[in-house]
């Protein structure tokens, strides 16, 4: 039985449950169907990756006090982070993968590199 591929419009034959003429057409159809979902996910991952890179750049020695403006000038977005960590004394750190930060009084931010014992 001849059918029409919903992706390219070509005629094809094959098994009765076959929906596309080829693997590339099948992949193309599914990739397009998921494009919106993947686009949002990609944009959030790009923001997180940039945040991590800004923290790494401004913190070459593992611990640094940085002005908030310097981070913002490099495109850092404080609303995006991968996880939070609260120390025993209740201090909250936001992490972007292996680099964390704590907003200090005024315009300062303490930037740290994750230690192996922090989970």
PDB file of N, CA and C in Angstrom:
ATOM      1  N   UNK A   1       0.846  -1.185   0.000  1.00  0.00           N
ATOM      2  CA  UNK A   1       0.000   0.000   0.000  1.00  0.00           C
ATOM      3  C   UNK A   1       0.890   1.247   0.000  1.00  0.00           C
ATOM      4  N   UNK A   2       0.624   2.164  -0.889  1.00  0.00           N
ATOM      5  CA  UNK A   2       1.409   3.396  -0.974  1.00  0.00           C
ATOM      6  C   UNK A   2       0.783   4.445  -0.067  1.00  0.00           C
ATOM      7  N   UNK A   3       1.696   5.158   0.626  1.00  0.00           N
ATOM      8  CA  UNK A   3       1.246   6.231   1.522  1.00  0.00           C
ATOM      9  C   UNK A   3       2.071   7.479   1.232  1.00  0.00           C
ATOM     10  N   UNK A   4       1.647   8.605   1.818  1.00  0.00           N
ATOM     11  CA  UNK A   4       2.346   9.882   1.647  1.00  0.00           C
ATOM     12  C   UNK A   4       3.037  10.230   2.965  1.00  0.00           C
ATOM     13  N   UNK A   5       4.306  10.579   2.888  1.00  0.00           N
ATOM     14  CA  UNK A   5       5.079  10.977   4.071  1.00  0.00           C
ATOM     15  C   UNK A   5       4.578  12.342   4.553  1.00  0.00           C
ATOM     16  N   UNK A   6       4.207  12.464   5.842  1.00  0.00           N
ATOM     17  CA  UNK A   6       3.703  13.748   6.345  1.00  0.00           C
ATOM     18  C   UNK A   6       4.785  14.827   6.425  1.00  0.00           C
ATOM     19  N   UNK A   7       6.045  14.441   6.314  1.00  0.00           N
ATOM     20  CA  UNK A   7       7.141  15.406   6.403  1.00  0.00           C
ATOM     21  C   UNK A   7       7.514  15.982   5.041  1.00  0.00           C
ATOM     22  N   UNK A   8       7.785  15.115   4.089  1.00  0.00           N
ATOM     23  CA  UNK A   8       8.274  15.601   2.787  1.00  0.00           C
ATOM     24  C   UNK A   8       7.241  15.513   1.668  1.00  0.00           C
ATOM     25  N   UNK A   9       6.149  14.775   1.910  1.00  0.00           N
ATOM     26  CA  UNK A   9       5.104  14.654   0.898  1.00  0.00           C
ATOM     27  C   UNK A   9       5.362  13.601  -0.165  1.00  0.00           C
ATOM     28  N   UNK A  10       6.453  12.858  -0.048  1.00  0.00           N
ATOM     29  CA  UNK A  10       6.784  11.815  -1.022  1.00  0.00           C
ATOM     30  C   UNK A  10       5.962  10.554  -0.751  1.00  0.00           C
ATOM     31  N   UNK A  11       5.734   9.814  -1.812  1.00  0.00           N
ATOM     32  CA  UNK A  11       5.075   8.514  -1.682  1.00  0.00           C
ATOM     33  C   UNK A  11       6.077   7.479  -1.208  1.00  0.00           C
ATOM     34  N   UNK A  12       5.621   6.542  -0.372  1.00  0.00           N
ATOM     35  CA  UNK A  12       6.517   5.479   0.084  1.00  0.00           C
ATOM     36  C   UNK A  12       5.717   4.211   0.351  1.00  0.00           C
ATOM     37  N   UNK A  13       6.433   3.089   0.422  1.00  0.00           N
ATOM     38  CA  UNK A  13       5.826   1.811   0.773  1.00  0.00           C
ATOM     39  C   UNK A  13       6.601   1.243   1.949  1.00  0.00           C
ATOM     40  N   UNK A  14       6.014   0.302   2.631  1.00  0.00           N
ATOM     41  CA  UNK A  14       6.692  -0.309   3.762  1.00  0.00           C
ATOM     42  C   UNK A  14       5.706  -0.942   4.712  1.00  0.00           C
ATOM     43  N   UNK A  15       6.163  -1.193   5.920  1.00  0.00           N
ATOM     44  CA  UNK A  15       5.313  -1.821   6.935  1.00  0.00           C
ATOM     45  C   UNK A  15       4.056  -0.992   7.162  1.00  0.00           C
ATOM     46  N   UNK A  16       3.027  -1.661   7.657  1.00  0.00           N
ATOM     47  CA  UNK A  16       1.742  -0.978   7.839  1.00  0.00           C
ATOM     48  C   UNK A  16       1.796   0.084   8.943  1.00  0.00           C
ATOM     49  N   UNK A  17       2.732  -0.043   9.881  1.00  0.00           N
ATOM     50  CA  UNK A  17       2.823   0.947  10.959  1.00  0.00           C
ATOM     51  C   UNK A  17       3.868   2.032  10.686  1.00  0.00           C
ATOM     52  N   UNK A  18       4.476   2.006   9.509  1.00  0.00           N
ATOM     53  CA  UNK A  18       5.483   3.001   9.147  1.00  0.00           C
ATOM     54  C   UNK A  18       4.773   4.315   8.809  1.00  0.00           C
ATOM     55  N   UNK A  19       5.239   5.425   9.407  1.00  0.00           N
ATOM     56  CA  UNK A  19       4.570   6.713   9.208  1.00  0.00           C
ATOM     57  C   UNK A  19       5.354   7.671   8.321  1.00  0.00           C
ATOM     58  N   UNK A  20       6.653   7.463   8.184  1.00  0.00           N
ATOM     59  CA  UNK A  20       7.508   8.378   7.422  1.00  0.00           C
ATOM     60  C   UNK A  20       8.297   7.573   6.395  1.00  0.00           C
ATOM     61  N   UNK A  21       8.734   8.248   5.358  1.00  0.00           N
ATOM     62  CA  UNK A  21       9.452   7.547   4.292  1.00  0.00           C
ATOM     63  C   UNK A  21      10.873   7.176   4.705  1.00  0.00           C
ATOM     64  N   UNK A  22      11.460   7.920   5.660  1.00  0.00           N
ATOM     65  CA  UNK A  22      12.848   7.648   6.053  1.00  0.00           C
ATOM     66  C   UNK A  22      13.101   8.126   7.479  1.00  0.00           C
ATOM     67  N   UNK A  23      14.222   7.688   8.009  1.00  0.00           N
ATOM     68  CA  UNK A  23      14.621   8.121   9.356  1.00  0.00           C
ATOM     69  C   UNK A  23      14.866   9.631   9.421  1.00  0.00           C
ATOM     70  N   UNK A  24      15.509  10.245   8.417  1.00  0.00           N
ATOM     71  CA  UNK A  24      15.680  11.699   8.466  1.00  0.00           C
ATOM     72  C   UNK A  24      14.350  12.461   8.494  1.00  0.00           C
ATOM     73  N   UNK A  25      13.354  12.001   7.750  1.00  0.00           N
ATOM     74  CA  UNK A  25      12.042  12.660   7.775  1.00  0.00           C
ATOM     75  C   UNK A  25      11.393  12.507   9.154  1.00  0.00           C
ATOM     76  N   UNK A  26      11.504  11.322   9.734  1.00  0.00           N
ATOM     77  CA  UNK A  26      10.939  11.087  11.064  1.00  0.00           C
ATOM     78  C   UNK A  26      11.610  12.014  12.087  1.00  0.00           C
ATOM     79  N   UNK A  27      12.935  12.084  12.054  1.00  0.00           N
ATOM     80  CA  UNK A  27      13.677  12.929  12.993  1.00  0.00           C
ATOM     81  C   UNK A  27      13.341  14.401  12.786  1.00  0.00           C
ATOM     82  N   UNK A  28      13.258  14.823  11.551  1.00  0.00           N
ATOM     83  CA  UNK A  28      12.936  16.213  11.235  1.00  0.00           C
ATOM     84  C   UNK A  28      11.561  16.595  11.785  1.00  0.00           C
ATOM     85  N   UNK A  29      10.596  15.712  11.607  1.00  0.00           N
ATOM     86  CA  UNK A  29       9.240  15.963  12.112  1.00  0.00           C
ATOM     87  C   UNK A  29       9.246  16.115  13.637  1.00  0.00           C
ATOM     88  N   UNK A  30       9.900  15.205  14.338  1.00  0.00           N
ATOM     89  CA  UNK A  30       9.917  15.248  15.803  1.00  0.00           C
ATOM     90  C   UNK A  30      10.728  16.435  16.325  1.00  0.00           C
ATOM     91  N   UNK A  31      11.816  16.772  15.653  1.00  0.00           N
ATOM     92  CA  UNK A  31      12.614  17.939  16.069  1.00  0.00           C
ATOM     93  C   UNK A  31      11.808  19.224  15.947  1.00  0.00           C
ATOM     94  N   UNK A  32      11.067  19.371  14.874  1.00  0.00           N
ATOM     95  CA  UNK A  32      10.255  20.572  14.695  1.00  0.00           C
ATOM     96  C   UNK A  32       9.140  20.629  15.733  1.00  0.00           C
ATOM     97  N   UNK A  33       8.554  19.482  16.041  1.00  0.00           N
ATOM     98  CA  UNK A  33       7.468  19.440  17.020  1.00  0.00           C
ATOM     99  C   UNK A  33       7.949  19.852  18.415  1.00  0.00           C
ATOM    100  N   UNK A  34       9.207  19.564  18.725  1.00  0.00           N
ATOM    101  CA  UNK A  34       9.750  19.883  20.055  1.00  0.00           C
ATOM    102  C   UNK A  34      10.543  21.189  20.083  1.00  0.00           C
ATOM    103  N   UNK A  35      10.595  21.914  18.988  1.00  0.00           N
ATOM    104  CA  UNK A  35      11.442  23.107  18.878  1.00  0.00           C
ATOM    105  C   UNK A  35      11.118  24.163  19.928  1.00  0.00           C
ATOM    106  N   UNK A  36       9.848  24.434  20.181  1.00  0.00           N
ATOM    107  CA  UNK A  36       9.473  25.451  21.172  1.00  0.00           C
ATOM    108  C   UNK A  36       9.932  25.089  22.568  1.00  0.00           C
ATOM    109  N   UNK A  37       9.705  23.861  22.946  1.00  0.00           N
ATOM    110  CA  UNK A  37      10.126  23.375  24.264  1.00  0.00           C
ATOM    111  C   UNK A  37      11.646  23.435  24.399  1.00  0.00           C
ATOM    112  N   UNK A  38      12.351  22.989  23.375  1.00  0.00           N
ATOM    113  CA  UNK A  38      13.807  22.987  23.423  1.00  0.00           C
ATOM    114  C   UNK A  38      14.378  24.399  23.398  1.00  0.00           C
ATOM    115  N   UNK A  39      13.720  25.308  22.713  1.00  0.00           N
ATOM    116  CA  UNK A  39      14.182  26.688  22.642  1.00  0.00           C
ATOM    117  C   UNK A  39      14.194  27.328  24.028  1.00  0.00           C
ATOM    118  N   UNK A  40      13.123  27.131  24.798  1.00  0.00           N
ATOM    119  CA  UNK A  40      13.064  27.672  26.152  1.00  0.00           C
ATOM    120  C   UNK A  40      14.157  27.055  27.026  1.00  0.00           C
ATOM    121  N   UNK A  41      14.297  25.752  26.950  1.00  0.00           N
ATOM    122  CA  UNK A  41      15.304  25.047  27.736  1.00  0.00           C
ATOM    123  C   UNK A  41      16.710  25.521  27.362  1.00  0.00           C
ATOM    124  N   UNK A  42      16.970  25.685  26.071  1.00  0.00           N
ATOM    125  CA  UNK A  42      18.272  26.171  25.617  1.00  0.00           C
ATOM    126  C   UNK A  42      18.571  27.565  26.144  1.00  0.00           C
ATOM    127  N   UNK A  43      17.562  28.449  26.146  1.00  0.00           N
ATOM    128  CA  UNK A  43      17.802  29.818  26.600  1.00  0.00           C
ATOM    129  C   UNK A  43      18.104  29.855  28.098  1.00  0.00           C
ATOM    130  N   UNK A  44      17.408  29.052  28.890  1.00  0.00           N
ATOM    131  CA  UNK A  44      17.701  28.995  30.334  1.00  0.00           C
ATOM    132  C   UNK A  44      19.089  28.409  30.566  1.00  0.00           C
ATOM    133  N   UNK A  45      19.443  27.356  29.846  1.00  0.00           N
ATOM    134  CA  UNK A  45      20.786  26.771  29.990  1.00  0.00           C
ATOM    135  C   UNK A  45      21.873  27.767  29.606  1.00  0.00           C
ATOM    136  N   UNK A  46      21.628  28.574  28.585  1.00  0.00           N
ATOM    137  CA  UNK A  46      22.603  29.593  28.191  1.00  0.00           C
ATOM    138  C   UNK A  46      22.787  30.638  29.280  1.00  0.00           C
ATOM    139  N   UNK A  47      21.704  31.044  29.923  1.00  0.00           N
ATOM    140  CA  UNK A  47      21.792  32.012  31.033  1.00  0.00           C
ATOM    141  C   UNK A  47      22.582  31.406  32.186  1.00  0.00           C
ATOM    142  N   UNK A  48      22.279  30.162  32.548  1.00  0.00           N
ATOM    143  CA  UNK A  48      22.991  29.496  33.647  1.00  0.00           C
ATOM    144  C   UNK A  48      24.479  29.336  33.330  1.00  0.00           C
ATOM    145  N   UNK A  49      24.783  28.969  32.103  1.00  0.00           N
ATOM    146  CA  UNK A  49      26.180  28.806  31.698  1.00  0.00           C
ATOM    147  C   UNK A  49      26.911  30.146  31.761  1.00  0.00           C
ATOM    148  N   UNK A  50      26.259  31.216  31.295  1.00  0.00           N
ATOM    149  CA  UNK A  50      26.865  32.541  31.365  1.00  0.00           C
ATOM    150  C   UNK A  50      27.074  32.956  32.820  1.00  0.00           C
ATOM    151  N   UNK A  51      26.077  32.732  33.675  1.00  0.00           N
ATOM    152  CA  UNK A  51      26.222  33.074  35.100  1.00  0.00           C
ATOM    153  C   UNK A  51      27.418  32.350  35.709  1.00  0.00           C
ATOM    154  N   UNK A  52      27.564  31.073  35.408  1.00  0.00           N
ATOM    155  CA  UNK A  52      28.686  30.298  35.938  1.00  0.00           C
ATOM    156  C   UNK A  52      30.012  30.858  35.441  1.00  0.00           C
ATOM    157  N   UNK A  53      30.069  31.212  34.163  1.00  0.00           N
ATOM    158  CA  UNK A  53      31.300  31.755  33.598  1.00  0.00           C
ATOM    159  C   UNK A  53      31.654  33.108  34.194  1.00  0.00           C
ATOM    160  N   UNK A  54      30.665  33.941  34.462  1.00  0.00           N
ATOM    161  CA  UNK A  54      30.912  35.240  35.109  1.00  0.00           C
ATOM    162  C   UNK A  54      31.481  35.015  36.506  1.00  0.00           C
ATOM    163  N   UNK A  55      30.889  34.103  37.261  1.00  0.00           N
ATOM    164  CA  UNK A  55      31.384  33.812  38.615  1.00  0.00           C
ATOM    165  C   UNK A  55      32.818  33.291  38.569  1.00  0.00           C
ATOM    166  N   UNK A  56      33.117  32.418  37.618  1.00  0.00           N
ATOM    167  CA  UNK A  56      34.473  31.858  37.496  1.00  0.00           C
ATOM    168  C   UNK A  56      35.472  32.944  37.115  1.00  0.00           C
ATOM    169  N   UNK A  57      35.080  33.815  36.212  1.00  0.00           N
ATOM    170  CA  UNK A  57      35.969  34.890  35.755  1.00  0.00           C
ATOM    171  C   UNK A  57      36.301  35.865  36.885  1.00  0.00           C
ATOM    172  N   UNK A  58      35.298  36.192  37.690  1.00  0.00           N
ATOM    173  CA  UNK A  58      35.501  37.168  38.758  1.00  0.00           C
ATOM    174  C   UNK A  58      36.080  36.557  40.032  1.00  0.00           C
ATOM    175  N   UNK A  59      36.268  35.249  40.025  1.00  0.00           N
ATOM    176  CA  UNK A  59      36.731  34.548  41.218  1.00  0.00           C
ATOM    177  C   UNK A  59      37.874  33.586  40.873  1.00  0.00           C
ATOM    178  N   UNK A  60      39.032  34.092  40.486  1.00  0.00           N
ATOM    179  CA  UNK A  60      40.119  33.200  40.080  1.00  0.00           C
ATOM    180  C   UNK A  60      40.772  32.456  41.242  1.00  0.00           C
ATOM    181  N   UNK A  61      40.608  32.952  42.469  1.00  0.00           N
ATOM    182  CA  UNK A  61      41.298  32.355  43.614  1.00  0.00           C
ATOM    183  C   UNK A  61      40.406  31.524  44.530  1.00  0.00           C
ATOM    184  N   UNK A  62      39.153  31.294  44.160  1.00  0.00           N
ATOM    185  CA  UNK A  62      38.282  30.457  44.976  1.00  0.00           C
ATOM    186  C   UNK A  62      37.373  31.212  45.926  1.00  0.00           C
ATOM    187  N   UNK A  63      37.685  32.483  46.201  1.00  0.00           N
ATOM    188  CA  UNK A  63      36.844  33.295  47.073  1.00  0.00           C
ATOM    189  C   UNK A  63      37.145  34.760  46.771  1.00  0.00           C
ATOM    190  N   UNK A  64      36.096  35.556  46.528  1.00  0.00           N
ATOM    191  CA  UNK A  64      36.316  36.957  46.179  1.00  0.00           C
ATOM    192  C   UNK A  64      35.093  37.793  46.523  1.00  0.00           C
ATOM    193  N   UNK A  65      35.332  39.032  46.902  1.00  0.00           N
ATOM    194  CA  UNK A  65      34.261  40.016  47.066  1.00  0.00           C
ATOM    195  C   UNK A  65      34.211  40.832  45.786  1.00  0.00           C
ATOM    196  N   UNK A  66      33.033  40.898  45.191  1.00  0.00           N
ATOM    197  CA  UNK A  66      32.863  41.541  43.899  1.00  0.00           C
ATOM    198  C   UNK A  66      31.698  42.519  43.989  1.00  0.00           C
ATOM    199  N   UNK A  67      31.848  43.647  43.319  1.00  0.00           N
ATOM    200  CA  UNK A  67      30.742  44.598  43.255  1.00  0.00           C
ATOM    201  C   UNK A  67      29.646  44.030  42.355  1.00  0.00           C
ATOM    202  N   UNK A  68      28.430  44.173  42.795  1.00  0.00           N
ATOM    203  CA  UNK A  68      27.256  43.687  42.062  1.00  0.00           C
ATOM    204  C   UNK A  68      27.226  44.235  40.632  1.00  0.00           C
ATOM    205  N   UNK A  69      27.594  45.501  40.461  1.00  0.00           N
ATOM    206  CA  UNK A  69      27.594  46.141  39.137  1.00  0.00           C
ATOM    207  C   UNK A  69      28.507  45.423  38.146  1.00  0.00           C
ATOM    208  N   UNK A  70      29.663  44.944  38.609  1.00  0.00           N
ATOM    209  CA  UNK A  70      30.592  44.229  37.725  1.00  0.00           C
ATOM    210  C   UNK A  70      29.949  42.958  37.181  1.00  0.00           C
ATOM    211  N   UNK A  71      29.183  42.287  38.032  1.00  0.00           N
ATOM    212  CA  UNK A  71      28.517  41.060  37.601  1.00  0.00           C
ATOM    213  C   UNK A  71      27.420  41.373  36.577  1.00  0.00           C
ATOM    214  N   UNK A  72      26.629  42.391  36.871  1.00  0.00           N
ATOM    215  CA  UNK A  72      25.536  42.775  35.972  1.00  0.00           C
ATOM    216  C   UNK A  72      26.088  43.243  34.633  1.00  0.00           C
ATOM    217  N   UNK A  73      27.201  43.998  34.659  1.00  0.00           N
ATOM    218  CA  UNK A  73      27.822  44.467  33.410  1.00  0.00           C
ATOM    219  C   UNK A  73      28.241  43.309  32.510  1.00  0.00           C
ATOM    220  N   UNK A  74      28.544  42.165  33.087  1.00  0.00           N
ATOM    221  CA  UNK A  74      28.950  40.988  32.314  1.00  0.00           C
ATOM    222  C   UNK A  74      27.756  40.102  31.952  1.00  0.00           C
ATOM    223  N   UNK A  75      26.554  40.575  32.239  1.00  0.00           N
ATOM    224  CA  UNK A  75      25.351  39.838  31.851  1.00  0.00           C
ATOM    225  C   UNK A  75      24.835  38.872  32.893  1.00  0.00           C
ATOM    226  N   UNK A  76      25.321  38.957  34.131  1.00  0.00           N
ATOM    227  CA  UNK A  76      24.877  38.048  35.192  1.00  0.00           C
ATOM    228  C   UNK A  76      23.421  38.337  35.530  1.00  0.00           C
ATOM    229  N   UNK A  77      22.615  37.280  35.652  1.00  0.00           N
ATOM    230  CA  UNK A  77      21.201  37.400  36.018  1.00  0.00           C
ATOM    231  C   UNK A  77      20.985  36.703  37.350  1.00  0.00           C
ATOM    232  N   UNK A  78      20.733  37.479  38.387  1.00  0.00           N
ATOM    233  CA  UNK A  78      20.627  36.959  39.746  1.00  0.00           C
ATOM    234  C   UNK A  78      19.428  36.037  39.958  1.00  0.00           C
ATOM    235  N   UNK A  79      18.435  36.093  39.092  1.00  0.00           N
ATOM    236  CA  UNK A  79      17.248  35.246  39.256  1.00  0.00           C
ATOM    237  C   UNK A  79      17.481  33.804  38.825  1.00  0.00           C
ATOM    238  N   UNK A  80      18.596  33.530  38.153  1.00  0.00           N
ATOM    239  CA  UNK A  80      18.856  32.194  37.620  1.00  0.00           C
ATOM    240  C   UNK A  80      20.021  31.546  38.347  1.00  0.00           C
ATOM    241  N   UNK A  81      19.778  30.389  38.945  1.00  0.00           N
ATOM    242  CA  UNK A  81      20.819  29.618  39.617  1.00  0.00           C
ATOM    243  C   UNK A  81      20.389  28.161  39.637  1.00  0.00           C
ATOM    244  N   UNK A  82      21.350  27.262  39.847  1.00  0.00           N
ATOM    245  CA  UNK A  82      21.036  25.831  39.780  1.00  0.00           C
ATOM    246  C   UNK A  82      20.562  25.262  41.112  1.00  0.00           C
ATOM    247  N   UNK A  83      21.085  25.778  42.222  1.00  0.00           N
ATOM    248  CA  UNK A  83      20.643  25.289  43.525  1.00  0.00           C
ATOM    249  C   UNK A  83      21.019  26.291  44.617  1.00  0.00           C
ATOM    250  N   UNK A  84      20.464  26.060  45.801  1.00  0.00           N
ATOM    251  CA  UNK A  84      20.766  26.874  46.973  1.00  0.00           C
ATOM    252  C   UNK A  84      21.424  25.989  48.024  1.00  0.00           C
ATOM    253  N   UNK A  85      22.237  26.627  48.857  1.00  0.00           N
ATOM    254  CA  UNK A  85      22.884  25.906  49.953  1.00  0.00           C
ATOM    255  C   UNK A  85      22.804  26.785  51.191  1.00  0.00           C
ATOM    256  N   UNK A  86      22.319  26.229  52.283  1.00  0.00           N
ATOM    257  CA  UNK A  86      22.240  26.947  53.542  1.00  0.00           C
ATOM    258  C   UNK A  86      23.255  26.334  54.498  1.00  0.00           C
ATOM    259  N   UNK A  87      24.147  27.174  55.032  1.00  0.00           N
ATOM    260  CA  UNK A  87      25.167  26.689  55.959  1.00  0.00           C
ATOM    261  C   UNK A  87      24.541  26.397  57.314  1.00  0.00           C
ATOM    262  N   UNK A  88      25.313  25.809  58.211  1.00  0.00           N
ATOM    263  CA  UNK A  88      24.806  25.487  59.551  1.00  0.00           C
ATOM    264  C   UNK A  88      24.339  26.724  60.298  1.00  0.00           C
ATOM    265  N   UNK A  89      25.003  27.853  60.055  1.00  0.00           N
ATOM    266  CA  UNK A  89      24.599  29.077  60.758  1.00  0.00           C
ATOM    267  C   UNK A  89      23.515  29.851  59.998  1.00  0.00           C
ATOM    268  N   UNK A  90      22.936  29.257  58.950  1.00  0.00           N
ATOM    269  CA  UNK A  90      21.801  29.850  58.262  1.00  0.00           C
ATOM    270  C   UNK A  90      22.133  30.787  57.111  1.00  0.00           C
ATOM    271  N   UNK A  91      23.383  30.814  56.679  1.00  0.00           N
ATOM    272  CA  UNK A  91      23.771  31.670  55.564  1.00  0.00           C
ATOM    273  C   UNK A  91      23.363  31.008  54.238  1.00  0.00           C
ATOM    274  N   UNK A  92      22.688  31.769  53.399  1.00  0.00           N
ATOM    275  CA  UNK A  92      22.184  31.243  52.129  1.00  0.00           C
ATOM    276  C   UNK A  92      23.133  31.588  50.989  1.00  0.00           C
ATOM    277  N   UNK A  93      23.522  30.565  50.227  1.00  0.00           N
ATOM    278  CA  UNK A  93      24.327  30.732  49.020  1.00  0.00           C
ATOM    279  C   UNK A  93      23.509  30.241  47.836  1.00  0.00           C
ATOM    280  N   UNK A  94      23.595  30.958  46.739  1.00  0.00           N
ATOM    281  CA  UNK A  94      23.005  30.524  45.471  1.00  0.00           C
ATOM    282  C   UNK A  94      24.152  29.999  44.614  1.00  0.00           C
ATOM    283  N   UNK A  95      23.943  28.873  43.953  1.00  0.00           N
ATOM    284  CA  UNK A  95      24.992  28.269  43.131  1.00  0.00           C
ATOM    285  C   UNK A  95      24.582  28.207  41.671  1.00  0.00           C
ATOM    286  N   UNK A  96      25.560  28.413  40.812  1.00  0.00           N
ATOM    287  CA  UNK A  96      25.454  28.139  39.377  1.00  0.00           C
ATOM    288  C   UNK A  96      26.495  27.056  39.136  1.00  0.00           C
ATOM    289  N   UNK A  97      26.031  25.832  39.182  1.00  0.00           N
ATOM    290  CA  UNK A  97      26.891  24.656  39.084  1.00  0.00           C
ATOM    291  C   UNK A  97      27.903  24.656  40.225  1.00  0.00           C
ATOM    292  N   UNK A  98      29.185  24.865  39.954  1.00  0.00           N
ATOM    293  CA  UNK A  98      30.196  24.739  41.002  1.00  0.00           C
ATOM    294  C   UNK A  98      30.633  26.072  41.608  1.00  0.00           C
ATOM    295  N   UNK A  99      30.040  27.174  41.190  1.00  0.00           N
ATOM    296  CA  UNK A  99      30.356  28.481  41.776  1.00  0.00           C
ATOM    297  C   UNK A  99      29.121  29.031  42.464  1.00  0.00           C
ATOM    298  N   UNK A 100      29.345  29.591  43.651  1.00  0.00           N
ATOM    299  CA  UNK A 100      28.239  30.130  44.418  1.00  0.00           C
ATOM    300  C   UNK A 100      28.473  31.583  44.771  1.00  0.00           C
ATOM    301  N   UNK A 101      27.409  32.210  45.253  1.00  0.00           N
ATOM    302  CA  UNK A 101      27.524  33.599  45.678  1.00  0.00           C
ATOM    303  C   UNK A 101      26.544  33.880  46.802  1.00  0.00           C
ATOM    304  N   UNK A 102      26.905  34.880  47.585  1.00  0.00           N
ATOM    305  CA  UNK A 102      26.048  35.352  48.674  1.00  0.00           C
ATOM    306  C   UNK A 102      26.002  36.866  48.549  1.00  0.00           C
ATOM    307  N   UNK A 103      24.802  37.414  48.465  1.00  0.00           N
ATOM    308  CA  UNK A 103      24.648  38.863  48.374  1.00  0.00           C
ATOM    309  C   UNK A 103      24.917  39.452  49.750  1.00  0.00           C
ATOM    310  N   UNK A 104      25.877  40.362  49.806  1.00  0.00           N
ATOM    311  CA  UNK A 104      26.285  40.994  51.057  1.00  0.00           C
ATOM    312  C   UNK A 104      25.560  42.326  51.222  1.00  0.00           C
ATOM    313  N   UNK A 105      25.828  42.985  52.326  1.00  0.00           N
ATOM    314  CA  UNK A 105      25.282  44.325  52.579  1.00  0.00           C
ATOM    315  C   UNK A 105      25.796  45.279  51.507  1.00  0.00           C
ATOM    316  N   UNK A 106      24.979  46.221  51.119  1.00  0.00           N
ATOM    317  CA  UNK A 106      25.396  47.201  50.125  1.00  0.00           C
ATOM    318  C   UNK A 106      25.456  46.596  48.740  1.00  0.00           C
ATOM    319  N   UNK A 107      26.487  46.952  47.998  1.00  0.00           N
ATOM    320  CA  UNK A 107      26.619  46.508  46.603  1.00  0.00           C
ATOM    321  C   UNK A 107      27.598  45.370  46.420  1.00  0.00           C
ATOM    322  N   UNK A 108      27.931  44.653  47.472  1.00  0.00           N
ATOM    323  CA  UNK A 108      28.947  43.605  47.390  1.00  0.00           C
ATOM    324  C   UNK A 108      28.327  42.215  47.334  1.00  0.00           C
ATOM    325  N   UNK A 109      29.039  41.329  46.640  1.00  0.00           N
ATOM    326  CA  UNK A 109      28.634  39.926  46.531  1.00  0.00           C
ATOM    327  C   UNK A 109      29.870  39.078  46.821  1.00  0.00           C
ATOM    328  N   UNK A 110      29.727  38.127  47.740  1.00  0.00           N
ATOM    329  CA  UNK A 110      30.811  37.185  48.024  1.00  0.00           C
ATOM    330  C   UNK A 110      30.668  36.013  47.064  1.00  0.00           C
ATOM    331  N   UNK A 111      31.711  35.751  46.279  1.00  0.00           N
ATOM    332  CA  UNK A 111      31.700  34.662  45.294  1.00  0.00           C
ATOM    333  C   UNK A 111      32.654  33.578  45.782  1.00  0.00           C
ATOM    334  N   UNK A 112      32.182  32.327  45.748  1.00  0.00           N
ATOM    335  CA  UNK A 112      32.998  31.198  46.202  1.00  0.00           C
ATOM    336  C   UNK A 112      32.970  30.084  45.161  1.00  0.00           C
ATOM    337  N   UNK A 113      33.969  29.221  45.237  1.00  0.00           N
ATOM    338  CA  UNK A 113      33.976  27.994  44.431  1.00  0.00           C
ATOM    339  C   UNK A 113      33.547  26.862  45.346  1.00  0.00           C
ATOM    340  N   UNK A 114      32.695  26.005  44.854  1.00  0.00           N
ATOM    341  CA  UNK A 114      32.157  24.901  45.657  1.00  0.00           C
ATOM    342  C   UNK A 114      33.284  23.995  46.134  1.00  0.00           C
ATOM    343  N   UNK A 115      33.234  23.679  47.398  1.00  0.00           N
ATOM    344  CA  UNK A 115      34.190  22.741  47.984  1.00  0.00           C
ATOM    345  C   UNK A 115      33.619  21.331  47.836  1.00  0.00           C
ATOM    346  N   UNK A 116      34.469  20.352  47.825  1.00  0.00           N
ATOM    347  CA  UNK A 116      34.022  18.968  47.634  1.00  0.00           C
ATOM    348  C   UNK A 116      33.047  18.488  48.710  1.00  0.00           C
ATOM    349  N   UNK A 117      33.152  19.024  49.920  1.00  0.00           N
ATOM    350  CA  UNK A 117      32.264  18.551  50.979  1.00  0.00           C
ATOM    351  C   UNK A 117      30.895  19.192  50.933  1.00  0.00           C
ATOM    352  N   UNK A 118      30.685  20.213  50.116  1.00  0.00           N
ATOM    353  CA  UNK A 118      29.371  20.837  49.991  1.00  0.00           C
ATOM    354  C   UNK A 118      28.532  19.999  49.052  1.00  0.00           C
ATOM    355  N   UNK A 119      27.349  19.603  49.490  1.00  0.00           N
ATOM    356  CA  UNK A 119      26.461  18.790  48.635  1.00  0.00           C
ATOM    357  C   UNK A 119      25.151  19.471  48.428  1.00  0.00           C
TER     358      UNK A 119
END
